[in-house]
Amino acid sequence: MCGLGVVYSYNNNSKRVDQHALKKISKMLKNRGPDSAGEWVSGDGLVGMVHRRLAILDLTSAGDQPMASSDGKIRVVFNGEIYNYPALRKVLETKGCLFTSNSDTEILIHLYRQYGVDMVKHLRGMFSIALWDETANGLLIARDPLGIKPLYYSDDGKIIRAASQVKALLAGGEINTSECPAGHVGFFLWGHVPEPYTLYEGIKALPAGAMLWVKKGEPQRKPQLYFSLSDELRSSEDESRYLSEIQVADRFKAALEDSVKHHMQSDVPVGVFLSSGLDSSSIAVLAAEHSRLPLKAITLGFEEYRNNQNDEVPLAEQTSKLLGFSHHVSRINKKHFLDELENIHRAMDQPSIDGVNSFFVSKAAKEIGLKVVLSGLGGDEILGGYPSFTQIPKLVNRISPFSFLGHSFRII
């Protein structure tokens, strides 16, 4: 992951960017990108950008950010990876575009030149983007269709600030920090802060599949959706009802294989988070098929589960051995958790009751030198890996005798 920050004074009477505040934003983002840091402020002082880089593609300084077009009229900071960038590059080169790096970041500049803000509709990947167009006096911020990469913003009608973390925006100052009731209530209801809310009235999350265009002298605008997951699911539902189970399974396998293949694009070694579940095991098998180099697998084990049926390590070891992976096991206990508690809170941008496992397994990946790791996160929801997927149908069957009560009796 990388970290980005941008400040734009777009009101005609706005003040210049506070470069000291910009440096504070950058400092807060350091853990997201330790490989290099970049900063740029426009000549009139009304636009500022910072970036912290975790180098994955084109490890040279040619891939550093903020990245500028050849004439300096466009500047971009970017967090994520564009999986279809090789195909996009070929198309752009046929249109006469010249590239000076092998970074997917440079694709964004040429793509914007060709399609304007609609460039986001051509991207396949996970990303948050901030792009400054000097000629149009406009700033584009955008987030990937599924909201994999975070992007938060604050807009007081004079200055818009955006960053990869809530804490980074707070570090820059001049933010309305009064409590957001929806954010707080959402956390206590669901264990996380629901988007687009945060804990603060002055900060919002840019929705998944949304972009926001801000131009000098124009009033505040609302984010515009360029992709709707709910619409996509409804469309797929209409189509899938005419497919057999075998056809659905074949399509799922092809989609998963295509996704893993695209995620393997990297100029640094790629690893796999491997538990004993269907999700990570399926990804591990496909990654082994498409990797040019031996892969490393990381498994998180709990000392309290050692040598009992809840221990995922033995089955993960068997899977790893079968696939020829170099397997690294990291076991933790209560003491490890307590020792790292302060670091866990520091790494957590917003409060959540989840993510501790991710913290420890990511820490293990870093310790063995991995920057890119494939994860089965979210796979249980698709493959029915949680116990609730079998428990709920059983519960529904048990209460079916009471169905005559109608709407007065239902599961909430």
Protein backbone atom coordinates (compact mmCIF):
# COMPACT_ATOMS: atom_id res chain seq x y z
CA MET A 1 0.00 0.00 0.00
CA CYS A 2 0.97 3.63 -0.47
CA GLY A 3 -0.34 6.80 1.13
CA LEU A 4 -1.51 10.01 -0.52
CA GLY A 5 -2.55 13.46 0.58
CA VAL A 6 -3.82 16.50 -1.30
CA VAL A 7 -4.96 20.00 -0.34
CA TYR A 8 -6.71 22.36 -2.78
CA SER A 9 -7.84 25.90 -1.97
CA TYR A 10 -10.51 26.21 -4.65
CA ASN A 11 -12.47 29.22 -3.40
CA ASN A 12 -11.52 32.51 -5.10
CA ASN A 13 -10.70 33.98 -1.69
CA SER A 14 -8.93 30.91 -0.32
CA LYS A 15 -5.54 31.09 1.36
CA ARG A 16 -2.38 29.36 0.22
CA VAL A 17 -1.60 25.79 1.26
CA ASP A 18 0.10 25.48 4.63
CA GLN A 19 3.25 23.55 3.72
CA HIS A 20 3.96 22.77 7.38
CA ALA A 21 0.53 21.11 7.65
CA LEU A 22 1.24 19.25 4.40
CA LYS A 23 4.41 17.80 5.93
CA LYS A 24 2.42 16.65 8.97
CA ILE A 25 0.02 14.78 6.67
CA SER A 26 2.96 13.13 4.93
CA LYS A 27 4.57 12.14 8.23
CA MET A 28 1.36 10.45 9.39
CA LEU A 29 1.30 8.41 6.16
CA LYS A 30 4.88 7.18 6.51
CA ASN A 31 4.00 3.64 7.58
CA ARG A 32 1.96 3.16 4.40
CA GLY A 33 4.94 3.80 2.14
CA PRO A 34 8.48 3.52 3.53
CA ASP A 35 10.31 3.34 0.16
CA SER A 36 10.18 7.01 -0.83
CA ALA A 37 8.43 10.29 -0.06
CA GLY A 38 7.38 13.06 -2.41
CA GLU A 39 5.88 16.53 -2.08
CA TRP A 40 4.72 19.14 -4.56
CA VAL A 41 3.12 22.58 -4.21
CA SER A 42 1.80 24.57 -7.18
CA GLY A 43 3.37 27.87 -8.18
CA ASP A 44 0.38 29.86 -6.90
CA GLY A 45 0.46 27.93 -3.63
CA LEU A 46 -3.18 26.81 -3.89
CA VAL A 47 -2.53 23.09 -4.47
CA GLY A 48 -0.33 20.72 -2.50
CA MET A 49 0.30 16.99 -2.86
CA VAL A 50 2.23 14.44 -0.79
CA HIS A 51 2.92 10.76 -1.33
CA ARG A 52 4.49 7.87 0.54
CA ARG A 53 5.48 5.01 -1.73
CA LEU A 54 5.59 1.27 -1.33
CA ALA A 55 7.31 0.31 -4.57
CA ILE A 56 5.71 -2.68 -6.32
CA LEU A 57 5.97 -1.90 -10.05
CA ASP A 58 9.03 -0.15 -11.53
CA LEU A 59 11.18 0.02 -8.42
CA THR A 60 13.26 2.91 -9.83
CA SER A 61 12.80 6.60 -9.05
CA ALA A 62 10.91 6.92 -12.35
CA GLY A 63 7.89 5.58 -10.48
CA ASP A 64 8.07 8.09 -7.63
CA GLN A 65 5.17 10.44 -6.92
CA PRO A 66 3.70 13.01 -7.17
CA MET A 67 4.15 12.18 -10.86
CA ALA A 68 3.89 14.90 -13.50
CA SER A 69 3.03 14.93 -17.19
CA SER A 70 5.83 15.91 -19.58
CA ASP A 71 4.55 19.51 -19.65
CA GLY A 72 3.92 19.66 -15.91
CA LYS A 73 0.25 20.50 -16.38
CA ILE A 74 -1.01 17.30 -14.73
CA ARG A 75 0.07 15.91 -11.37
CA VAL A 76 -1.09 12.69 -9.78
CA VAL A 77 -0.74 10.78 -6.52
CA PHE A 78 -2.01 7.23 -6.41
CA ASN A 79 -2.40 4.34 -4.00
CA GLY A 80 -3.06 0.86 -5.35
CA GLU A 81 -2.46 -1.17 -8.47
CA ILE A 82 -3.99 -1.06 -11.96
CA TYR A 83 -4.20 -4.68 -13.07
CA ASN A 84 -5.00 -3.97 -16.70
CA TYR A 85 -2.22 -1.41 -17.13
CA PRO A 86 -0.24 -3.51 -19.68
CA ALA A 87 -3.27 -3.65 -21.99
CA LEU A 88 -4.05 0.04 -21.42
CA ARG A 89 -0.45 0.97 -22.17
CA LYS A 90 -0.52 -0.83 -25.52
CA VAL A 91 -3.68 1.02 -26.54
CA LEU A 92 -2.29 4.39 -25.43
CA GLU A 93 0.97 3.81 -27.28
CA THR A 94 -0.99 3.27 -30.51
CA LYS A 95 -2.47 6.72 -29.88
CA GLY A 96 1.01 8.24 -29.74
CA CYS A 97 1.51 8.37 -25.97
CA LEU A 98 5.16 8.16 -24.86
CA PHE A 99 6.07 6.53 -21.56
CA THR A 100 9.13 7.25 -19.44
CA SER A 101 8.57 4.55 -16.81
CA ASN A 102 7.16 1.06 -16.34
CA SER A 103 4.88 2.24 -13.54
CA ASP A 104 1.11 1.88 -13.65
CA THR A 105 0.90 5.41 -12.20
CA GLU A 106 1.97 6.93 -15.51
CA ILE A 107 -1.02 5.23 -17.19
CA LEU A 108 -3.30 7.57 -15.22
CA ILE A 109 -1.80 10.71 -16.74
CA HIS A 110 -2.13 9.55 -20.34
CA LEU A 111 -5.54 8.02 -19.73
CA TYR A 112 -6.81 11.31 -18.28
CA ARG A 113 -5.51 13.16 -21.33
CA GLN A 114 -7.56 10.82 -23.51
CA TYR A 115 -10.80 10.49 -21.56
CA GLY A 116 -10.89 13.16 -18.86
CA VAL A 117 -12.63 12.16 -15.62
CA ASP A 118 -14.18 9.17 -17.43
CA MET A 119 -10.75 7.54 -17.32
CA VAL A 120 -11.82 5.80 -14.09
CA LYS A 121 -14.27 3.69 -16.10
CA HIS A 122 -11.33 2.15 -17.98
CA LEU A 123 -9.44 1.04 -14.87
CA ARG A 124 -9.39 -2.46 -13.45
CA GLY A 125 -7.78 -2.61 -10.06
CA MET A 126 -7.78 -1.31 -6.52
CA PHE A 127 -7.00 2.37 -6.20
CA SER A 128 -7.45 5.77 -4.70
CA ILE A 129 -6.39 8.65 -6.93
CA ALA A 130 -5.92 12.41 -6.66
CA LEU A 131 -5.18 14.14 -9.97
CA TRP A 132 -4.60 17.87 -10.50
CA ASP A 133 -5.32 19.47 -13.88
CA GLU A 134 -3.70 22.90 -14.04
CA THR A 135 -5.34 23.86 -17.34
CA ALA A 136 -8.85 23.18 -16.02
CA ASN A 137 -8.06 24.39 -12.49
CA GLY A 138 -9.66 21.18 -11.28
CA LEU A 139 -8.92 18.35 -8.88
CA LEU A 140 -10.20 14.81 -9.38
CA ILE A 141 -10.33 12.34 -6.52
CA ALA A 142 -11.56 8.80 -7.18
CA ARG A 143 -11.85 5.42 -5.50
CA ASP A 144 -11.98 1.91 -6.94
CA PRO A 145 -15.34 0.20 -7.63
CA LEU A 146 -15.24 -2.05 -4.54
CA GLY A 147 -13.67 0.50 -2.18
CA ILE A 148 -10.65 -1.69 -1.48
CA LYS A 149 -8.36 1.31 -1.12
CA PRO A 150 -9.38 3.97 1.42
CA LEU A 151 -9.85 7.65 0.61
CA TYR A 152 -11.19 10.28 3.00
CA TYR A 153 -11.91 13.94 2.39
CA SER A 154 -12.91 17.14 4.14
CA ASP A 155 -14.54 20.07 2.32
CA ASP A 156 -15.47 23.28 4.13
CA GLY A 157 -16.53 25.18 1.00
CA LYS A 158 -13.14 26.82 0.59
CA ILE A 159 -10.54 24.09 0.90
CA ILE A 160 -10.80 20.40 0.11
CA ARG A 161 -8.39 18.02 1.77
CA ALA A 162 -8.11 14.32 0.93
CA ALA A 163 -5.90 11.54 2.25
CA SER A 164 -5.57 7.79 2.62
CA GLN A 165 -6.18 7.98 6.36
CA VAL A 166 -8.48 9.87 8.71
CA LYS A 167 -5.52 10.35 11.05
CA ALA A 168 -3.55 12.05 8.27
CA LEU A 169 -6.32 14.61 7.72
CA LEU A 170 -6.48 15.25 11.45
CA ALA A 171 -2.70 15.75 11.54
CA GLY A 172 -3.01 18.51 8.93
CA GLY A 173 -5.39 20.48 11.16
CA GLU A 174 -8.29 22.83 10.38
CA ILE A 175 -10.81 19.98 10.39
CA ASN A 176 -14.25 20.02 12.02
CA THR A 177 -13.70 17.38 14.70
CA SER A 178 -17.15 17.49 16.30
CA GLU A 179 -18.58 14.01 16.78
CA CYS A 180 -20.52 12.38 13.96
CA PRO A 181 -23.47 10.55 15.59
CA ALA A 182 -23.93 8.13 12.66
CA GLY A 183 -20.27 7.10 12.81
CA HIS A 184 -20.35 6.46 16.55
CA VAL A 185 -23.68 4.63 16.57
CA GLY A 186 -22.60 2.56 13.57
CA PHE A 187 -19.48 1.41 15.38
CA PHE A 188 -21.41 0.25 18.46
CA LEU A 189 -23.98 -1.52 16.29
CA TRP A 190 -21.69 -3.28 13.82
CA GLY A 191 -18.18 -3.10 15.24
CA HIS A 192 -16.89 -0.77 12.51
CA VAL A 193 -17.58 2.78 11.33
CA PRO A 194 -19.96 2.55 8.33
CA GLU A 195 -19.05 4.55 5.24
CA PRO A 196 -19.39 7.30 4.20
CA TYR A 197 -19.28 8.33 7.86
CA THR A 198 -16.28 8.64 10.14
CA LEU A 199 -16.15 9.58 13.82
CA TYR A 200 -15.93 13.25 12.77
CA GLU A 201 -18.52 15.54 11.18
CA GLY A 202 -15.85 17.19 9.06
CA ILE A 203 -14.49 14.02 7.42
CA LYS A 204 -16.26 11.67 5.02
CA ALA A 205 -15.16 8.54 3.18
CA LEU A 206 -15.38 8.83 -0.58
CA PRO A 207 -17.84 6.03 -1.48
CA ALA A 208 -16.68 2.95 -3.37
CA GLY A 209 -16.95 3.46 -7.12
CA ALA A 210 -17.21 7.23 -6.75
CA MET A 211 -15.32 10.26 -8.01
CA LEU A 212 -15.40 13.93 -7.06
CA TRP A 213 -14.42 16.80 -9.35
CA VAL A 214 -13.61 20.12 -7.67
CA LYS A 215 -12.94 23.23 -9.74
CA LYS A 216 -11.73 26.67 -8.69
CA GLY A 217 -14.52 29.17 -8.12
CA GLU A 218 -17.31 26.58 -8.30
CA PRO A 219 -19.53 25.63 -5.35
CA GLN A 220 -19.16 22.41 -3.42
CA ARG A 221 -20.10 19.27 -5.32
CA LYS A 222 -21.21 15.82 -4.22
CA PRO A 223 -19.44 12.57 -5.15
CA GLN A 224 -20.70 10.94 -8.34
CA LEU A 225 -20.95 7.16 -8.70
CA TYR A 226 -19.34 5.73 -11.82
CA PHE A 227 -19.89 2.13 -10.65
CA SER A 228 -22.67 0.59 -8.56
CA LEU A 229 -22.08 -2.85 -7.08
CA SER A 230 -25.78 -3.30 -6.31
CA ASP A 231 -26.67 -2.61 -9.97
CA GLU A 232 -23.97 -5.05 -11.06
CA LEU A 233 -25.30 -7.76 -8.76
CA ARG A 234 -28.88 -7.24 -9.94
CA SER A 235 -27.73 -7.52 -13.54
CA SER A 236 -25.78 -10.71 -12.80
CA GLU A 237 -28.77 -12.16 -10.95
CA ASP A 238 -31.00 -11.73 -13.99
CA GLU A 239 -28.44 -13.47 -16.18
CA SER A 240 -27.48 -16.29 -13.79
CA ARG A 241 -31.03 -17.58 -13.37
CA TYR A 242 -30.75 -19.15 -16.83
CA LEU A 243 -27.45 -20.91 -16.05
CA SER A 244 -26.98 -24.44 -14.77
CA GLU A 245 -24.98 -25.16 -11.62
CA ILE A 246 -22.13 -26.49 -13.76
CA GLN A 247 -22.09 -23.27 -15.84
CA VAL A 248 -22.09 -21.15 -12.70
CA ALA A 249 -19.21 -23.19 -11.24
CA ASP A 250 -17.22 -22.89 -14.49
CA ARG A 251 -17.72 -19.12 -14.59
CA PHE A 252 -16.74 -18.76 -10.96
CA LYS A 253 -13.56 -20.77 -11.49
CA ALA A 254 -12.64 -18.75 -14.59
CA ALA A 255 -13.28 -15.44 -12.78
CA LEU A 256 -11.22 -16.49 -9.74
CA GLU A 257 -8.35 -17.71 -11.91
CA ASP A 258 -8.38 -14.51 -13.96
CA SER A 259 -8.37 -12.41 -10.79
CA VAL A 260 -5.45 -14.28 -9.21
CA LYS A 261 -3.46 -14.11 -12.46
CA HIS A 262 -3.84 -10.32 -12.62
CA HIS A 263 -2.94 -9.96 -8.94
CA MET A 264 0.37 -11.71 -9.59
CA GLN A 265 1.72 -8.69 -11.54
CA SER A 266 4.59 -7.41 -9.44
CA ASP A 267 8.27 -6.53 -9.63
CA VAL A 268 8.75 -7.83 -6.07
CA PRO A 269 8.11 -11.33 -4.65
CA VAL A 270 4.48 -12.30 -4.01
CA GLY A 271 3.31 -14.36 -1.04
CA VAL A 272 0.07 -15.96 0.13
CA PHE A 273 -1.75 -15.76 3.45
CA LEU A 274 -2.65 -19.41 3.93
CA SER A 275 -5.15 -20.71 6.47
CA SER A 276 -6.89 -24.08 6.23
CA GLY A 277 -10.00 -22.56 4.63
CA LEU A 278 -11.45 -22.91 1.14
CA ASP A 279 -10.77 -19.28 0.30
CA SER A 280 -7.02 -19.00 0.86
CA SER A 281 -6.37 -22.59 -0.25
CA SER A 282 -8.12 -21.96 -3.58
CA ILE A 283 -6.10 -18.79 -4.12
CA ALA A 284 -2.87 -20.59 -3.18
CA VAL A 285 -3.47 -23.32 -5.78
CA LEU A 286 -4.11 -20.79 -8.55
CA ALA A 287 -1.17 -18.62 -7.48
CA ALA A 288 1.14 -21.63 -7.71
CA GLU A 289 -0.06 -22.25 -11.27
CA HIS A 290 0.63 -18.69 -12.42
CA SER A 291 3.81 -17.85 -10.50
CA ARG A 292 7.17 -17.79 -12.26
CA LEU A 293 9.01 -18.00 -8.93
CA PRO A 294 8.66 -20.14 -5.80
CA LEU A 295 6.06 -18.64 -3.47
CA LYS A 296 6.11 -18.04 0.26
CA ALA A 297 3.08 -18.82 2.40
CA ILE A 298 2.39 -17.33 5.83
CA THR A 299 0.09 -18.91 8.39
CA LEU A 300 -0.99 -17.40 11.68
CA GLY A 301 -1.39 -19.87 14.52
CA PHE A 302 -2.65 -19.40 18.07
CA GLU A 303 -0.78 -21.08 20.92
CA GLU A 304 -4.05 -21.73 22.73
CA TYR A 305 -5.21 -23.84 19.76
CA ARG A 306 -2.00 -25.85 19.34
CA ASN A 307 -2.66 -29.57 18.87
CA ASN A 308 -6.46 -29.30 18.90
CA GLN A 309 -9.11 -29.22 16.17
CA ASN A 310 -9.13 -25.41 15.99
CA ASP A 311 -5.47 -25.24 15.00
CA GLU A 312 -5.25 -24.30 11.32
CA VAL A 313 -1.48 -24.77 11.07
CA PRO A 314 -1.26 -28.55 10.37
CA LEU A 315 -3.63 -28.46 7.38
CA ALA A 316 -1.98 -25.27 6.08
CA GLU A 317 1.40 -27.04 6.33
CA GLN A 318 0.07 -29.95 4.28
CA THR A 319 -1.32 -27.60 1.64
CA SER A 320 1.90 -25.61 1.48
CA LYS A 321 4.01 -28.79 1.13
CA LEU A 322 1.75 -30.08 -1.63
CA LEU A 323 2.13 -26.84 -3.58
CA GLY A 324 5.87 -26.54 -3.01
CA PHE A 325 5.69 -23.31 -1.04
CA SER A 326 8.20 -22.02 1.45
CA HIS A 327 6.01 -22.03 4.55
CA HIS A 328 6.36 -19.60 7.45
CA VAL A 329 4.29 -20.06 10.59
CA SER A 330 3.83 -17.27 13.10
CA ARG A 331 2.30 -18.35 16.41
CA ILE A 332 0.95 -15.80 18.85
CA ASN A 333 -0.50 -15.89 22.35
CA LYS A 334 -2.11 -13.51 24.81
CA LYS A 335 1.24 -11.92 25.69
CA HIS A 336 1.96 -11.11 22.03
CA PHE A 337 -1.43 -9.39 21.82
CA LEU A 338 -0.87 -7.33 24.94
CA ASP A 339 2.66 -6.38 23.89
CA GLU A 340 1.42 -5.16 20.51
CA LEU A 341 -1.81 -3.53 21.70
CA GLU A 342 -0.46 0.01 21.43
CA ASN A 343 0.86 -0.67 17.91
CA ILE A 344 -2.47 -2.23 16.91
CA HIS A 345 -4.31 0.92 17.97
CA ARG A 346 -1.76 3.08 16.18
CA ALA A 347 -2.14 1.08 12.95
CA MET A 348 -5.94 1.13 13.14
CA ASP A 349 -7.11 4.27 11.35
CA GLN A 350 -10.67 4.02 12.67
CA PRO A 351 -11.97 1.82 15.52
CA SER A 352 -12.89 -1.74 14.59
CA ILE A 353 -13.46 -4.97 16.47
CA ASP A 354 -11.86 -6.84 13.56
CA GLY A 355 -8.44 -6.73 11.97
CA VAL A 356 -6.20 -7.99 14.78
CA ASN A 357 -5.49 -11.21 12.87
CA SER A 358 -4.61 -9.15 9.79
CA PHE A 359 -2.21 -7.06 11.87
CA PHE A 360 -0.24 -10.07 13.10
CA VAL A 361 -0.12 -11.96 9.79
CA SER A 362 0.90 -8.76 7.96
CA LYS A 363 3.60 -8.19 10.56
CA ALA A 364 4.88 -11.71 9.87
CA ALA A 365 4.92 -11.01 6.12
CA LYS A 366 6.97 -7.87 6.65
CA GLU A 367 9.46 -9.74 8.84
CA ILE A 368 10.25 -12.16 5.97
CA GLY A 369 10.55 -9.33 3.45
CA LEU A 370 7.21 -9.54 1.61
CA LYS A 371 5.47 -6.43 0.27
CA VAL A 372 2.75 -8.17 -1.74
CA VAL A 373 0.61 -10.96 -0.32
CA LEU A 374 -2.55 -12.53 -1.72
CA SER A 375 -5.37 -12.92 0.78
CA GLY A 376 -8.65 -14.82 0.87
CA LEU A 377 -10.30 -11.96 2.77
CA GLY A 378 -13.98 -11.93 1.81
CA GLY A 379 -13.83 -15.41 0.32
CA ASP A 380 -15.81 -16.98 3.16
CA GLU A 381 -18.78 -14.81 2.25
CA ILE A 382 -18.70 -16.14 -1.32
CA LEU A 383 -17.82 -19.77 -0.58
CA GLY A 384 -20.01 -20.13 2.50
CA GLY A 385 -17.10 -20.74 4.84
CA TYR A 386 -18.63 -19.39 8.06
CA PRO A 387 -20.68 -21.66 10.38
CA SER A 388 -23.61 -19.23 10.08
CA PHE A 389 -24.09 -20.28 6.46
CA THR A 390 -25.22 -23.72 7.64
CA GLN A 391 -26.73 -22.58 10.95
CA ILE A 392 -29.18 -20.04 9.51
CA PRO A 393 -30.94 -22.48 7.08
CA LYS A 394 -31.33 -24.95 9.99
CA LEU A 395 -32.83 -22.18 12.15
CA VAL A 396 -35.24 -21.20 9.39
CA ASN A 397 -36.39 -24.82 9.05
CA ARG A 398 -37.00 -25.06 12.79
CA ILE A 399 -39.25 -22.01 12.89
CA SER A 400 -41.14 -22.87 9.70
CA PRO A 401 -44.07 -24.38 11.71
CA PHE A 402 -44.73 -20.85 12.97
CA SER A 403 -44.99 -19.38 9.48
CA PHE A 404 -48.75 -19.05 9.87
CA LEU A 405 -48.05 -16.07 12.15
CA GLY A 406 -46.97 -14.16 9.03
CA HIS A 407 -45.18 -10.81 9.36
CA SER A 408 -45.83 -10.68 13.09
CA PHE A 409 -43.21 -13.41 13.52
CA ARG A 410 -39.90 -13.05 11.72
CA ILE A 411 -36.16 -13.26 12.23
CA ILE A 412 -34.61 -9.85 12.74
